[in-house]
Amino acid sequence: MHFQQDRIGSQRDLDYSITPHHHQKKILEFLRNNFSIIARMLTGKDIVDLTTKKEDEITGEIVNLLNDKLRSLSGYLFRFEAKTGPDILIFASPYEPFSPELFVIEAKRLPPTSYRDYVHTGIERFKREEHGKQYDIAGMLGYVQEKDFCYWHKKVNSWIDDLISKVDKTPKWEEHDKLRISKITNICEYKSRHSRLRKNAITLHHFWIALHKTSAN
């Protein structure tokens, strides 16, 4: 398939005469089908203790594993972006020079590297249009390395409650910013919807995977 450069994902969908968010839906389904497999691979008996690895090191390794899994889904390419924007960018494949990404993902450790990092330097970057400005769907990836999904779901939403109470904060936080359970299997998927400074609202799909040291098989 020949992919042409365009400004925004919705325009790309129109250029291909396919349904809106076609690529994003395919990418999300691929992530649902493969994150649990990748979590098991990373926490296997012969793998190093992930608590000793930096967040970016884990993300880079996950990108390598996702690209390996793409043998079953042609048409996409994952790239790790260290310190220059969202952690994971997903492009059309075969790749053409200077093509824009189709989907972006920000990755965060839970517990966070710094206090409330998942919200303040994760979700808030999408609200401030620092990440995913040209899209209305994006992703977040959580590395749960202590406690369980339920604990962090409550904790993240409590951090958002604190921001909701600050009525003078910009951008404004509201109830719809909270994470809602979408699907729970051996990974956990949440959804949230966020108003932004100038753009229309963005929907975030949160994929949390268990990377406990004790989860080795």
N, C-alpha and C. Protein backbone atom coordinates (compact mmCIF):
# COMPACT_ATOMS: atom_id res chain seq x y z
N MET A 1 0.84 -1.19 0.00
CA MET A 1 0.00 0.00 0.00
C MET A 1 0.88 1.24 0.00
N HIS A 2 0.53 2.23 -0.81
CA HIS A 2 1.32 3.45 -0.89
C HIS A 2 0.79 4.46 0.11
N PHE A 3 1.62 4.88 1.05
CA PHE A 3 1.21 5.83 2.07
C PHE A 3 1.74 7.21 1.74
N GLN A 4 0.86 8.21 1.70
CA GLN A 4 1.25 9.57 1.40
C GLN A 4 1.29 10.37 2.68
N GLN A 5 2.22 11.34 2.77
CA GLN A 5 2.33 12.17 3.94
C GLN A 5 1.13 13.10 4.01
N ASP A 6 0.59 13.29 5.21
CA ASP A 6 -0.51 14.21 5.41
C ASP A 6 -0.39 14.81 6.79
N ARG A 7 -1.23 15.74 7.09
CA ARG A 7 -1.10 16.49 8.33
C ARG A 7 -1.71 15.79 9.54
N ILE A 8 -2.85 15.18 9.38
CA ILE A 8 -3.53 14.60 10.53
C ILE A 8 -4.07 13.23 10.18
N GLY A 9 -4.31 12.43 11.25
CA GLY A 9 -4.78 11.07 11.04
C GLY A 9 -6.10 10.99 10.32
N SER A 10 -7.04 11.91 10.62
CA SER A 10 -8.34 11.85 9.97
C SER A 10 -8.22 12.09 8.48
N GLN A 11 -7.33 13.00 8.08
CA GLN A 11 -7.12 13.26 6.66
C GLN A 11 -6.52 12.05 5.97
N ARG A 12 -5.60 11.36 6.70
CA ARG A 12 -5.01 10.14 6.15
C ARG A 12 -6.09 9.11 5.87
N ASP A 13 -7.06 8.98 6.79
CA ASP A 13 -8.15 8.04 6.58
C ASP A 13 -8.96 8.40 5.35
N LEU A 14 -9.22 9.70 5.14
CA LEU A 14 -9.97 10.13 3.97
C LEU A 14 -9.20 9.83 2.69
N ASP A 15 -7.88 10.06 2.72
CA ASP A 15 -7.07 9.80 1.53
C ASP A 15 -7.16 8.35 1.11
N TYR A 16 -7.30 7.43 2.07
CA TYR A 16 -7.33 6.01 1.76
C TYR A 16 -8.74 5.50 1.48
N SER A 17 -9.74 6.38 1.64
CA SER A 17 -11.14 5.98 1.44
C SER A 17 -11.51 4.79 2.32
N ILE A 18 -11.08 4.84 3.59
CA ILE A 18 -11.42 3.80 4.55
C ILE A 18 -12.12 4.44 5.72
N THR A 19 -12.65 3.63 6.61
CA THR A 19 -13.41 4.15 7.73
C THR A 19 -12.51 4.97 8.66
N PRO A 20 -13.08 5.98 9.34
CA PRO A 20 -12.28 6.77 10.28
C PRO A 20 -11.65 5.91 11.36
N HIS A 21 -10.41 6.24 11.72
CA HIS A 21 -9.66 5.55 12.77
C HIS A 21 -9.37 4.09 12.42
N HIS A 22 -9.38 3.77 11.15
CA HIS A 22 -9.10 2.39 10.72
C HIS A 22 -7.75 1.93 11.25
N HIS A 23 -6.71 2.72 11.01
CA HIS A 23 -5.36 2.32 11.44
C HIS A 23 -5.28 2.25 12.96
N GLN A 24 -5.84 3.25 13.64
CA GLN A 24 -5.77 3.27 15.10
C GLN A 24 -6.46 2.04 15.70
N LYS A 25 -7.59 1.64 15.13
CA LYS A 25 -8.30 0.46 15.63
C LYS A 25 -7.48 -0.81 15.43
N LYS A 26 -6.83 -0.92 14.27
CA LYS A 26 -5.99 -2.09 14.02
C LYS A 26 -4.80 -2.13 14.98
N ILE A 27 -4.21 -0.96 15.22
CA ILE A 27 -3.07 -0.89 16.13
C ILE A 27 -3.49 -1.25 17.55
N LEU A 28 -4.61 -0.71 18.01
CA LEU A 28 -5.10 -1.02 19.36
C LEU A 28 -5.37 -2.51 19.54
N GLU A 29 -5.96 -3.13 18.52
CA GLU A 29 -6.23 -4.56 18.61
C GLU A 29 -4.93 -5.36 18.65
N PHE A 30 -3.95 -4.93 17.88
CA PHE A 30 -2.64 -5.59 17.90
C PHE A 30 -2.02 -5.49 19.30
N LEU A 31 -2.12 -4.31 19.92
CA LEU A 31 -1.57 -4.14 21.27
C LEU A 31 -2.29 -5.03 22.27
N ARG A 32 -3.61 -5.10 22.19
CA ARG A 32 -4.38 -5.97 23.10
C ARG A 32 -3.94 -7.43 22.98
N ASN A 33 -3.67 -7.85 21.77
CA ASN A 33 -3.34 -9.25 21.53
C ASN A 33 -1.91 -9.61 21.91
N ASN A 34 -1.04 -8.60 22.05
CA ASN A 34 0.38 -8.90 22.22
C ASN A 34 1.01 -8.43 23.52
N PHE A 35 0.41 -7.47 24.21
CA PHE A 35 1.03 -6.97 25.43
C PHE A 35 1.16 -8.04 26.50
N SER A 36 0.17 -8.92 26.64
CA SER A 36 0.26 -9.96 27.66
C SER A 36 1.38 -10.94 27.34
N ILE A 37 1.56 -11.25 26.07
CA ILE A 37 2.65 -12.14 25.65
C ILE A 37 3.99 -11.51 25.97
N ILE A 38 4.11 -10.22 25.66
CA ILE A 38 5.37 -9.51 25.90
C ILE A 38 5.66 -9.40 27.39
N ALA A 39 4.62 -9.19 28.21
CA ALA A 39 4.82 -9.13 29.66
C ALA A 39 5.38 -10.45 30.18
N ARG A 40 4.85 -11.56 29.68
CA ARG A 40 5.36 -12.88 30.10
C ARG A 40 6.81 -13.07 29.66
N MET A 41 7.14 -12.60 28.47
CA MET A 41 8.51 -12.73 27.98
C MET A 41 9.48 -11.93 28.85
N LEU A 42 9.06 -10.73 29.26
CA LEU A 42 9.93 -9.87 30.04
C LEU A 42 10.11 -10.35 31.48
N THR A 43 9.14 -11.10 31.99
CA THR A 43 9.21 -11.54 33.38
C THR A 43 9.55 -13.02 33.51
N GLY A 44 10.06 -13.62 32.46
CA GLY A 44 10.44 -15.02 32.50
C GLY A 44 11.61 -15.27 33.45
N LYS A 45 11.80 -16.50 33.80
CA LYS A 45 12.81 -16.87 34.79
C LYS A 45 14.22 -16.43 34.41
N ASP A 46 14.51 -16.43 33.13
CA ASP A 46 15.88 -16.15 32.71
C ASP A 46 16.12 -14.68 32.38
N ILE A 47 15.12 -13.82 32.65
CA ILE A 47 15.25 -12.40 32.35
C ILE A 47 15.75 -11.65 33.58
N VAL A 48 16.51 -10.59 33.39
CA VAL A 48 17.06 -9.83 34.50
C VAL A 48 15.96 -9.17 35.31
N ASP A 49 16.28 -8.76 36.52
CA ASP A 49 15.34 -8.07 37.40
C ASP A 49 14.99 -6.72 36.78
N LEU A 50 13.72 -6.54 36.40
CA LEU A 50 13.31 -5.31 35.73
C LEU A 50 13.33 -4.10 36.65
N THR A 51 13.35 -4.31 37.96
CA THR A 51 13.41 -3.17 38.87
C THR A 51 14.76 -2.47 38.78
N THR A 52 15.75 -3.14 38.22
CA THR A 52 17.07 -2.53 38.06
C THR A 52 17.20 -1.78 36.73
N LYS A 53 16.18 -1.88 35.89
CA LYS A 53 16.22 -1.26 34.57
C LYS A 53 15.50 0.09 34.58
N LYS A 54 16.03 1.03 33.83
CA LYS A 54 15.39 2.32 33.71
C LYS A 54 14.13 2.19 32.86
N GLU A 55 13.22 3.16 33.05
CA GLU A 55 11.97 3.15 32.30
C GLU A 55 12.21 3.10 30.79
N ASP A 56 13.14 3.91 30.30
CA ASP A 56 13.42 3.94 28.87
C ASP A 56 14.00 2.62 28.37
N GLU A 57 14.78 1.94 29.21
CA GLU A 57 15.33 0.65 28.81
C GLU A 57 14.21 -0.38 28.61
N ILE A 58 13.23 -0.37 29.51
CA ILE A 58 12.11 -1.29 29.38
C ILE A 58 11.31 -0.97 28.12
N THR A 59 11.05 0.33 27.89
CA THR A 59 10.27 0.74 26.71
C THR A 59 10.98 0.34 25.42
N GLY A 60 12.29 0.56 25.36
CA GLY A 60 13.03 0.19 24.17
C GLY A 60 12.95 -1.30 23.88
N GLU A 61 13.00 -2.10 24.93
CA GLU A 61 12.92 -3.55 24.74
C GLU A 61 11.52 -3.96 24.29
N ILE A 62 10.50 -3.31 24.83
CA ILE A 62 9.12 -3.60 24.41
C ILE A 62 8.92 -3.26 22.94
N VAL A 63 9.49 -2.16 22.49
CA VAL A 63 9.38 -1.78 21.08
C VAL A 63 10.04 -2.85 20.20
N ASN A 64 11.21 -3.36 20.61
CA ASN A 64 11.85 -4.43 19.85
C ASN A 64 10.95 -5.66 19.75
N LEU A 65 10.31 -6.02 20.85
CA LEU A 65 9.45 -7.20 20.87
C LEU A 65 8.18 -6.97 20.04
N LEU A 66 7.63 -5.74 20.10
CA LEU A 66 6.45 -5.43 19.29
C LEU A 66 6.77 -5.53 17.80
N ASN A 67 7.92 -5.02 17.41
CA ASN A 67 8.30 -5.11 16.00
C ASN A 67 8.48 -6.56 15.56
N ASP A 68 8.99 -7.39 16.47
CA ASP A 68 9.13 -8.81 16.14
C ASP A 68 7.76 -9.46 15.94
N LYS A 69 6.79 -9.07 16.77
CA LYS A 69 5.43 -9.60 16.66
C LYS A 69 4.72 -9.11 15.41
N LEU A 70 5.20 -8.04 14.80
CA LEU A 70 4.53 -7.48 13.61
C LEU A 70 4.64 -8.39 12.39
N ARG A 71 5.33 -9.48 12.51
CA ARG A 71 5.35 -10.44 11.41
C ARG A 71 3.94 -10.93 11.11
N SER A 72 3.05 -10.84 12.15
CA SER A 72 1.66 -11.28 11.95
C SER A 72 0.74 -10.13 11.54
N LEU A 73 1.28 -8.90 11.45
CA LEU A 73 0.47 -7.74 11.06
C LEU A 73 1.33 -6.82 10.21
N SER A 74 1.28 -7.01 8.91
CA SER A 74 2.08 -6.16 8.04
C SER A 74 1.44 -4.79 7.94
N GLY A 75 2.24 -3.79 7.63
CA GLY A 75 1.72 -2.45 7.41
C GLY A 75 2.07 -1.43 8.47
N TYR A 76 2.77 -1.86 9.55
CA TYR A 76 3.09 -0.93 10.62
C TYR A 76 4.52 -1.11 11.11
N LEU A 77 5.04 -0.07 11.77
CA LEU A 77 6.40 -0.07 12.27
C LEU A 77 6.44 0.72 13.57
N PHE A 78 6.99 0.11 14.65
CA PHE A 78 7.11 0.78 15.94
C PHE A 78 8.50 1.39 16.07
N ARG A 79 8.57 2.59 16.68
CA ARG A 79 9.86 3.23 16.91
C ARG A 79 9.90 3.83 18.30
N PHE A 80 10.99 3.59 19.01
CA PHE A 80 11.19 4.16 20.34
C PHE A 80 11.82 5.53 20.21
N GLU A 81 11.23 6.52 20.88
CA GLU A 81 11.73 7.89 20.85
C GLU A 81 12.24 8.25 22.24
N ALA A 82 13.53 8.32 22.42
CA ALA A 82 14.10 8.63 23.73
C ALA A 82 14.21 10.14 23.92
N LYS A 83 13.42 10.67 24.85
CA LYS A 83 13.54 12.06 25.32
C LYS A 83 13.14 13.12 24.31
N THR A 84 12.49 12.77 23.23
CA THR A 84 12.17 13.78 22.23
C THR A 84 10.66 13.95 22.02
N GLY A 85 9.84 13.28 22.80
CA GLY A 85 8.39 13.35 22.62
C GLY A 85 7.76 12.10 23.19
N PRO A 86 6.61 11.68 22.67
CA PRO A 86 6.01 10.42 23.14
C PRO A 86 7.00 9.27 22.99
N ASP A 87 6.94 8.32 23.91
CA ASP A 87 7.94 7.25 23.95
C ASP A 87 7.90 6.32 22.75
N ILE A 88 6.70 6.02 22.25
CA ILE A 88 6.56 5.07 21.15
C ILE A 88 5.77 5.72 20.03
N LEU A 89 6.34 5.69 18.83
CA LEU A 89 5.67 6.19 17.63
C LEU A 89 5.41 5.01 16.70
N ILE A 90 4.24 5.00 16.08
CA ILE A 90 3.87 3.91 15.17
C ILE A 90 3.64 4.50 13.79
N PHE A 91 4.36 3.97 12.81
CA PHE A 91 4.32 4.47 11.45
C PHE A 91 3.76 3.43 10.50
N ALA A 92 3.37 3.89 9.32
CA ALA A 92 3.00 2.98 8.25
C ALA A 92 4.25 2.31 7.70
N SER A 93 4.09 1.08 7.25
CA SER A 93 5.18 0.33 6.63
C SER A 93 4.67 -0.33 5.35
N PRO A 94 5.39 -0.22 4.23
CA PRO A 94 6.73 0.32 4.10
C PRO A 94 6.77 1.82 4.38
N TYR A 95 7.87 2.23 5.03
CA TYR A 95 8.01 3.61 5.47
C TYR A 95 8.53 4.48 4.33
N GLU A 96 7.93 5.67 4.20
CA GLU A 96 8.41 6.65 3.23
C GLU A 96 9.05 7.82 3.96
N PRO A 97 10.07 8.45 3.38
CA PRO A 97 10.79 9.53 4.07
C PRO A 97 9.86 10.62 4.61
N PHE A 98 10.10 10.98 5.85
CA PHE A 98 9.41 12.08 6.53
C PHE A 98 7.91 11.86 6.70
N SER A 99 7.50 10.60 6.72
CA SER A 99 6.08 10.30 6.95
C SER A 99 5.71 10.59 8.41
N PRO A 100 4.51 11.10 8.65
CA PRO A 100 4.07 11.32 10.04
C PRO A 100 3.65 10.00 10.68
N GLU A 101 3.68 9.94 11.99
CA GLU A 101 3.25 8.75 12.69
C GLU A 101 1.74 8.61 12.63
N LEU A 102 1.26 7.36 12.78
CA LEU A 102 -0.17 7.08 12.82
C LEU A 102 -0.73 7.07 14.24
N PHE A 103 0.14 6.81 15.22
CA PHE A 103 -0.32 6.62 16.60
C PHE A 103 0.86 6.86 17.52
N VAL A 104 0.59 7.40 18.72
CA VAL A 104 1.66 7.65 19.69
C VAL A 104 1.27 7.05 21.04
N ILE A 105 2.30 6.63 21.79
CA ILE A 105 2.10 6.04 23.12
C ILE A 105 3.11 6.64 24.07
N GLU A 106 2.66 7.05 25.23
CA GLU A 106 3.54 7.50 26.31
C GLU A 106 3.61 6.39 27.36
N ALA A 107 4.81 6.02 27.80
CA ALA A 107 5.00 4.92 28.74
C ALA A 107 5.44 5.45 30.10
N LYS A 108 4.87 4.89 31.17
CA LYS A 108 5.22 5.29 32.53
C LYS A 108 5.27 4.08 33.45
N ARG A 109 6.17 4.17 34.41
CA ARG A 109 6.30 3.12 35.42
C ARG A 109 5.31 3.38 36.56
N LEU A 110 4.75 2.33 37.13
CA LEU A 110 3.91 2.40 38.32
C LEU A 110 4.46 1.44 39.35
N PRO A 111 5.07 1.88 40.44
CA PRO A 111 5.04 3.26 40.91
C PRO A 111 5.83 4.19 40.00
N PRO A 112 5.40 5.47 39.96
CA PRO A 112 6.04 6.42 39.04
C PRO A 112 7.47 6.72 39.42
N THR A 113 8.23 7.11 38.40
CA THR A 113 9.63 7.48 38.63
C THR A 113 9.71 8.65 39.60
N SER A 114 8.82 9.61 39.45
CA SER A 114 8.70 10.71 40.40
C SER A 114 7.23 10.85 40.77
N TYR A 115 6.93 11.54 41.83
CA TYR A 115 5.58 11.61 42.39
C TYR A 115 4.55 12.01 41.34
N ARG A 116 3.53 11.18 41.18
CA ARG A 116 2.42 11.43 40.26
C ARG A 116 2.85 11.60 38.81
N ASP A 117 3.94 10.99 38.46
CA ASP A 117 4.50 11.13 37.11
C ASP A 117 3.51 10.68 36.04
N TYR A 118 2.73 9.65 36.31
CA TYR A 118 1.79 9.11 35.32
C TYR A 118 0.80 10.18 34.88
N VAL A 119 0.36 11.00 35.83
CA VAL A 119 -0.62 12.05 35.53
C VAL A 119 0.06 13.33 35.04
N HIS A 120 1.06 13.79 35.78
CA HIS A 120 1.63 15.11 35.51
C HIS A 120 2.50 15.17 34.27
N THR A 121 3.28 14.15 34.02
CA THR A 121 4.12 14.17 32.81
C THR A 121 3.67 13.12 31.80
N GLY A 122 2.54 12.50 32.09
CA GLY A 122 1.94 11.56 31.16
C GLY A 122 0.68 12.14 30.55
N ILE A 123 -0.43 11.99 31.25
CA ILE A 123 -1.71 12.47 30.74
C ILE A 123 -1.68 13.97 30.45
N GLU A 124 -1.08 14.74 31.35
CA GLU A 124 -1.12 16.20 31.19
C GLU A 124 -0.42 16.67 29.92
N ARG A 125 0.56 15.94 29.46
CA ARG A 125 1.21 16.33 28.20
C ARG A 125 0.27 16.24 27.01
N PHE A 126 -0.66 15.30 27.07
CA PHE A 126 -1.68 15.22 26.02
C PHE A 126 -2.68 16.38 26.17
N LYS A 127 -3.05 16.70 27.41
CA LYS A 127 -3.98 17.80 27.63
C LYS A 127 -3.38 19.13 27.19
N ARG A 128 -2.08 19.28 27.38
CA ARG A 128 -1.40 20.52 26.99
C ARG A 128 -1.00 20.54 25.51
N GLU A 129 -1.32 19.46 24.80
CA GLU A 129 -1.02 19.35 23.37
C GLU A 129 0.48 19.28 23.09
N GLU A 130 1.24 18.84 24.09
CA GLU A 130 2.67 18.60 23.89
C GLU A 130 2.88 17.25 23.20
N HIS A 131 1.94 16.34 23.41
CA HIS A 131 1.94 15.03 22.75
C HIS A 131 0.63 14.86 21.99
N GLY A 132 0.72 14.22 20.82
CA GLY A 132 -0.47 13.84 20.08
C GLY A 132 -1.37 14.99 19.68
N LYS A 133 -0.79 16.15 19.44
CA LYS A 133 -1.59 17.34 19.15
C LYS A 133 -2.52 17.15 17.96
N GLN A 134 -2.05 16.44 16.94
CA GLN A 134 -2.81 16.32 15.70
C GLN A 134 -3.79 15.15 15.68
N TYR A 135 -3.91 14.42 16.81
CA TYR A 135 -4.77 13.24 16.83
C TYR A 135 -5.83 13.35 17.91
N ASP A 136 -6.88 12.55 17.78
CA ASP A 136 -7.89 12.52 18.83
C ASP A 136 -7.95 11.17 19.54
N ILE A 137 -7.01 10.27 19.21
CA ILE A 137 -6.85 8.99 19.91
C ILE A 137 -5.36 8.76 20.11
N ALA A 138 -4.97 8.34 21.31
CA ALA A 138 -3.57 8.03 21.60
C ALA A 138 -3.53 6.98 22.70
N GLY A 139 -2.32 6.58 23.10
CA GLY A 139 -2.19 5.52 24.09
C GLY A 139 -1.23 5.85 25.21
N MET A 140 -1.42 5.16 26.35
CA MET A 140 -0.46 5.18 27.43
C MET A 140 -0.20 3.75 27.86
N LEU A 141 1.03 3.49 28.24
CA LEU A 141 1.47 2.15 28.65
C LEU A 141 2.00 2.24 30.07
N GLY A 142 1.41 1.46 30.97
CA GLY A 142 1.84 1.47 32.36
C GLY A 142 2.56 0.19 32.75
N TYR A 143 3.74 0.34 33.39
CA TYR A 143 4.51 -0.81 33.86
C TYR A 143 4.24 -0.98 35.36
N VAL A 144 3.35 -1.89 35.70
CA VAL A 144 2.99 -2.10 37.10
C VAL A 144 4.04 -3.01 37.74
N GLN A 145 4.84 -2.45 38.66
CA GLN A 145 5.94 -3.19 39.26
C GLN A 145 5.80 -3.33 40.77
N GLU A 146 4.73 -2.78 41.31
CA GLU A 146 4.37 -2.98 42.72
C GLU A 146 2.86 -3.04 42.82
N LYS A 147 2.34 -3.78 43.78
CA LYS A 147 0.92 -3.89 44.06
C LYS A 147 0.18 -4.41 42.83
N ASP A 148 -1.09 -3.99 42.62
CA ASP A 148 -1.87 -4.56 41.51
C ASP A 148 -2.58 -3.47 40.73
N PHE A 149 -3.29 -3.90 39.66
CA PHE A 149 -3.98 -2.94 38.80
C PHE A 149 -5.00 -2.11 39.58
N CYS A 150 -5.77 -2.77 40.43
CA CYS A 150 -6.82 -2.08 41.18
C CYS A 150 -6.23 -0.97 42.04
N TYR A 151 -5.13 -1.25 42.71
CA TYR A 151 -4.49 -0.25 43.57
C TYR A 151 -4.11 0.99 42.76
N TRP A 152 -3.48 0.79 41.60
CA TRP A 152 -3.01 1.93 40.82
C TRP A 152 -4.14 2.65 40.11
N HIS A 153 -5.20 1.92 39.77
CA HIS A 153 -6.38 2.58 39.20
C HIS A 153 -6.94 3.59 40.20
N LYS A 154 -7.11 3.18 41.44
CA LYS A 154 -7.61 4.07 42.48
C LYS A 154 -6.63 5.21 42.74
N LYS A 155 -5.33 4.90 42.75
CA LYS A 155 -4.32 5.91 43.05
C LYS A 155 -4.27 6.98 41.96
N VAL A 156 -4.24 6.56 40.70
CA VAL A 156 -4.20 7.53 39.59
C VAL A 156 -5.44 8.41 39.61
N ASN A 157 -6.61 7.81 39.82
CA ASN A 157 -7.83 8.60 39.86
C ASN A 157 -7.88 9.55 41.06
N SER A 158 -7.23 9.16 42.17
CA SER A 158 -7.17 10.06 43.32
C SER A 158 -6.28 11.26 43.01
N TRP A 159 -5.22 11.04 42.24
CA TRP A 159 -4.37 12.17 41.82
C TRP A 159 -5.16 13.12 40.92
N ILE A 160 -5.99 12.54 40.06
CA ILE A 160 -6.83 13.37 39.19
C ILE A 160 -7.87 14.12 40.01
N ASP A 161 -8.42 13.48 41.05
CA ASP A 161 -9.35 14.17 41.96
C ASP A 161 -8.70 15.41 42.56
N ASP A 162 -7.44 15.28 42.95
CA ASP A 162 -6.73 16.42 43.53
C ASP A 162 -6.65 17.57 42.52
N LEU A 163 -6.42 17.24 41.26
CA LEU A 163 -6.32 18.27 40.22
C LEU A 163 -7.68 18.88 39.91
N ILE A 164 -8.74 18.05 39.98
CA ILE A 164 -10.10 18.57 39.76
C ILE A 164 -10.43 19.64 40.81
N SER A 165 -9.96 19.44 42.04
CA SER A 165 -10.26 20.37 43.12
C SER A 165 -9.58 21.72 42.94
N LYS A 166 -8.56 21.77 42.08
CA LYS A 166 -7.85 23.03 41.83
C LYS A 166 -8.53 23.74 40.66
N VAL A 167 -9.56 24.50 40.96
CA VAL A 167 -10.43 25.06 39.93
C VAL A 167 -9.72 26.08 39.04
N ASP A 168 -8.62 26.64 39.52
CA ASP A 168 -7.91 27.65 38.73
C ASP A 168 -6.79 27.05 37.88
N LYS A 169 -6.66 25.72 37.90
CA LYS A 169 -5.56 25.08 37.15
C LYS A 169 -5.85 25.06 35.67
N THR A 170 -4.83 25.29 34.86
CA THR A 170 -4.92 25.23 33.40
C THR A 170 -3.90 24.21 32.88
N PRO A 171 -4.35 23.25 32.06
CA PRO A 171 -5.72 23.02 31.61
C PRO A 171 -6.60 22.48 32.73
N LYS A 172 -7.89 22.70 32.62
CA LYS A 172 -8.85 22.30 33.65
C LYS A 172 -9.02 20.79 33.65
N TRP A 173 -9.13 20.22 34.87
CA TRP A 173 -9.37 18.78 35.03
C TRP A 173 -10.80 18.55 35.48
N GLU A 174 -11.43 17.50 34.93
CA GLU A 174 -12.83 17.20 35.23
C GLU A 174 -13.01 15.69 35.42
N GLU A 175 -14.23 15.28 35.76
CA GLU A 175 -14.51 13.87 36.04
C GLU A 175 -14.16 12.97 34.86
N HIS A 176 -14.37 13.45 33.64
CA HIS A 176 -14.12 12.59 32.47
C HIS A 176 -12.63 12.34 32.23
N ASP A 177 -11.77 13.06 32.98
CA ASP A 177 -10.34 12.80 32.89
C ASP A 177 -9.94 11.51 33.61
N LYS A 178 -10.83 11.00 34.46
CA LYS A 178 -10.49 9.79 35.22
C LYS A 178 -10.48 8.56 34.32
N LEU A 179 -9.70 7.57 34.74
CA LEU A 179 -9.59 6.31 34.00
C LEU A 179 -10.79 5.43 34.30
N ARG A 180 -11.41 4.90 33.25
CA ARG A 180 -12.54 3.98 33.38
C ARG A 180 -12.11 2.61 32.85
N ILE A 181 -12.47 1.57 33.56
CA ILE A 181 -12.09 0.22 33.15
C ILE A 181 -12.75 -0.13 31.82
N SER A 182 -11.95 -0.57 30.89
CA SER A 182 -12.45 -0.98 29.58
C SER A 182 -12.45 -2.50 29.45
N LYS A 183 -11.33 -3.12 29.86
CA LYS A 183 -11.22 -4.57 29.73
C LYS A 183 -10.13 -5.08 30.66
N ILE A 184 -10.40 -6.16 31.36
CA ILE A 184 -9.41 -6.77 32.23
C ILE A 184 -9.22 -8.22 31.84
N THR A 185 -8.01 -8.58 31.51
CA THR A 185 -7.63 -9.97 31.27
C THR A 185 -6.36 -10.19 32.09
N ASN A 186 -5.30 -10.67 31.48
CA ASN A 186 -4.02 -10.72 32.19
C ASN A 186 -3.25 -9.41 31.98
N ILE A 187 -3.85 -8.49 31.22
CA ILE A 187 -3.42 -7.09 31.23
C ILE A 187 -4.67 -6.29 31.59
N CYS A 188 -4.52 -5.00 31.78
CA CYS A 188 -5.69 -4.18 32.09
C CYS A 188 -5.74 -3.01 31.13
N GLU A 189 -6.91 -2.76 30.57
CA GLU A 189 -7.09 -1.63 29.66
C GLU A 189 -8.11 -0.66 30.25
N TYR A 190 -7.75 0.61 30.27
CA TYR A 190 -8.63 1.67 30.71
C TYR A 190 -8.79 2.68 29.58
N LYS A 191 -9.83 3.50 29.69
CA LYS A 191 -10.03 4.59 28.74
C LYS A 191 -10.27 5.87 29.52
N SER A 192 -9.84 6.98 28.96
CA SER A 192 -10.12 8.29 29.55
C SER A 192 -10.25 9.30 28.42
N ARG A 193 -10.97 10.38 28.69
CA ARG A 193 -11.20 11.40 27.68
C ARG A 193 -10.82 12.75 28.26
N HIS A 194 -10.06 13.53 27.51
CA HIS A 194 -9.46 14.73 28.06
C HIS A 194 -9.66 15.95 27.16
N SER A 195 -10.17 17.02 27.77
CA SER A 195 -10.21 18.29 27.06
C SER A 195 -8.79 18.82 26.93
N ARG A 196 -8.58 19.66 25.92
CA ARG A 196 -7.25 20.20 25.67
C ARG A 196 -7.30 21.72 25.58
N LEU A 197 -6.14 22.34 25.45
CA LEU A 197 -6.07 23.80 25.47
C LEU A 197 -6.82 24.42 24.30
N ARG A 198 -6.58 23.89 23.10
CA ARG A 198 -7.20 24.46 21.90
C ARG A 198 -7.88 23.41 21.03
N LYS A 199 -7.34 22.23 20.99
CA LYS A 199 -7.89 21.17 20.15
C LYS A 199 -9.12 20.53 20.79
N ASN A 200 -9.85 19.76 19.98
CA ASN A 200 -10.95 18.96 20.52
C ASN A 200 -10.41 17.91 21.48
N ALA A 201 -11.29 17.29 22.25
CA ALA A 201 -10.88 16.31 23.25
C ALA A 201 -10.14 15.13 22.63
N ILE A 202 -9.28 14.51 23.43
CA ILE A 202 -8.53 13.33 23.00
C ILE A 202 -8.90 12.15 23.90
N THR A 203 -9.06 10.97 23.31
CA THR A 203 -9.32 9.73 24.06
C THR A 203 -8.01 8.97 24.21
N LEU A 204 -7.68 8.61 25.44
CA LEU A 204 -6.48 7.82 25.71
C LEU A 204 -6.87 6.38 26.07
N HIS A 205 -6.18 5.43 25.45
CA HIS A 205 -6.30 4.02 25.79
C HIS A 205 -5.09 3.67 26.65
N HIS A 206 -5.34 3.26 27.89
CA HIS A 206 -4.28 2.93 28.84
C HIS A 206 -4.13 1.42 28.91
N PHE A 207 -2.96 0.92 28.57
CA PHE A 207 -2.65 -0.51 28.68
C PHE A 207 -1.66 -0.68 29.82
N TRP A 208 -2.05 -1.42 30.85
CA TRP A 208 -1.17 -1.68 31.98
C TRP A 208 -0.77 -3.15 31.97
N ILE A 209 0.52 -3.39 32.09
CA ILE A 209 1.03 -4.76 32.12
C ILE A 209 1.80 -4.98 33.42
N ALA A 210 1.68 -6.17 33.98
CA ALA A 210 2.35 -6.51 35.23
C ALA A 210 3.78 -6.93 34.96
N LEU A 211 4.72 -6.16 35.51
CA LEU A 211 6.13 -6.49 35.35
C LEU A 211 6.79 -6.66 36.71
N HIS A 212 6.08 -7.35 37.62
CA HIS A 212 6.64 -7.62 38.93
C HIS A 212 7.80 -8.61 38.84
N LYS A 213 8.75 -8.42 39.68
CA LYS A 213 9.85 -9.38 39.77
C LYS A 213 9.32 -10.76 40.13
N THR A 214 8.25 -10.81 40.93
CA THR A 214 7.71 -12.09 41.42
C THR A 214 6.76 -12.74 40.43
N SER A 215 6.51 -12.08 39.26
CA SER A 215 5.54 -12.64 38.33
C SER A 215 6.17 -13.61 37.33
N ALA A 216 7.45 -13.94 37.54
CA ALA A 216 8.12 -14.89 36.65
C ALA A 216 7.44 -16.24 36.72
N ASN A 217 7.39 -16.92 35.57
CA ASN A 217 6.76 -18.23 35.52
C ASN A 217 7.80 -19.34 35.70
